[in-house]
Amino acid sequence: MERELTPVEARSGVVSGRVLTVLALSSVGAVVALAWLFLFPK
């Protein structure tokens, strides 16, 4: 039986999920940018 989350706990969970999503997207973007630079040098 899980206990109820307080609004603050629920909000912090949403925020941490959002932060993780942004970190994942930015790291993927960085990898893609680096790959692009290596694959298509000017």
C-alpha atoms as a PDB file:
ATOM      1  CA  MET A   1       0.000   0.000   0.000  1.00  0.00           C
ATOM      2  CA  GLU A   2       1.566   3.271  -1.123  1.00  0.00           C
ATOM      3  CA  ARG A   3       1.144   6.418   0.888  1.00  0.00           C
ATOM      4  CA  GLU A   4      -0.364   9.524  -0.676  1.00  0.00           C
ATOM      5  CA  LEU A   5       2.034  12.068  -2.110  1.00  0.00           C
ATOM      6  CA  THR A   6       1.785  15.611  -0.866  1.00  0.00           C
ATOM      7  CA  PRO A   7       1.427  18.277  -3.593  1.00  0.00           C
ATOM      8  CA  VAL A   8       5.025  19.350  -2.972  1.00  0.00           C
ATOM      9  CA  GLU A   9       6.320  15.795  -3.407  1.00  0.00           C
ATOM     10  CA  ALA A  10       4.266  15.296  -6.561  1.00  0.00           C
ATOM     11  CA  ARG A  11       5.520  18.578  -7.966  1.00  0.00           C
ATOM     12  CA  SER A  12       9.161  17.755  -7.176  1.00  0.00           C
ATOM     13  CA  GLY A  13       8.712  14.432  -8.980  1.00  0.00           C
ATOM     14  CA  VAL A  14       7.370  16.210 -12.063  1.00  0.00           C
ATOM     15  CA  VAL A  15      10.192  18.749 -11.942  1.00  0.00           C
ATOM     16  CA  SER A  16      12.903  16.090 -11.576  1.00  0.00           C
ATOM     17  CA  GLY A  17      11.353  14.138 -14.455  1.00  0.00           C
ATOM     18  CA  ARG A  18      11.395  17.289 -16.567  1.00  0.00           C
ATOM     19  CA  VAL A  19      15.023  18.003 -15.632  1.00  0.00           C
ATOM     20  CA  LEU A  20      16.030  14.443 -16.550  1.00  0.00           C
ATOM     21  CA  THR A  21      14.213  14.773 -19.883  1.00  0.00           C
ATOM     22  CA  VAL A  22      16.005  18.049 -20.663  1.00  0.00           C
ATOM     23  CA  LEU A  23      19.384  16.555 -19.702  1.00  0.00           C
ATOM     24  CA  ALA A  24      18.771  13.497 -21.876  1.00  0.00           C
ATOM     25  CA  LEU A  25      17.675  15.613 -24.853  1.00  0.00           C
ATOM     26  CA  SER A  26      20.632  17.988 -24.527  1.00  0.00           C
ATOM     27  CA  SER A  27      23.148  15.138 -24.274  1.00  0.00           C
ATOM     28  CA  VAL A  28      21.610  13.458 -27.332  1.00  0.00           C
ATOM     29  CA  GLY A  29      21.751  16.787 -29.161  1.00  0.00           C
ATOM     30  CA  ALA A  30      25.416  17.218 -28.216  1.00  0.00           C
ATOM     31  CA  VAL A  31      26.260  13.727 -29.504  1.00  0.00           C
ATOM     32  CA  VAL A  32      24.407  14.392 -32.765  1.00  0.00           C
ATOM     33  CA  ALA A  33      26.192  17.736 -33.193  1.00  0.00           C
ATOM     34  CA  LEU A  34      29.607  16.141 -32.613  1.00  0.00           C
ATOM     35  CA  ALA A  35      28.816  13.288 -35.019  1.00  0.00           C
ATOM     36  CA  TRP A  36      27.685  15.841 -37.608  1.00  0.00           C
ATOM     37  CA  LEU A  37      30.946  17.768 -37.220  1.00  0.00           C
ATOM     38  CA  PHE A  38      33.016  14.608 -37.649  1.00  0.00           C
ATOM     39  CA  LEU A  39      30.963  13.233 -40.559  1.00  0.00           C
ATOM     40  CA  PHE A  40      30.671  16.490 -42.480  1.00  0.00           C
ATOM     41  CA  PRO A  41      33.824  18.578 -41.957  1.00  0.00           C
ATOM     42  CA  LYS A  42      33.894  21.797 -43.943  1.00  0.00           C
END
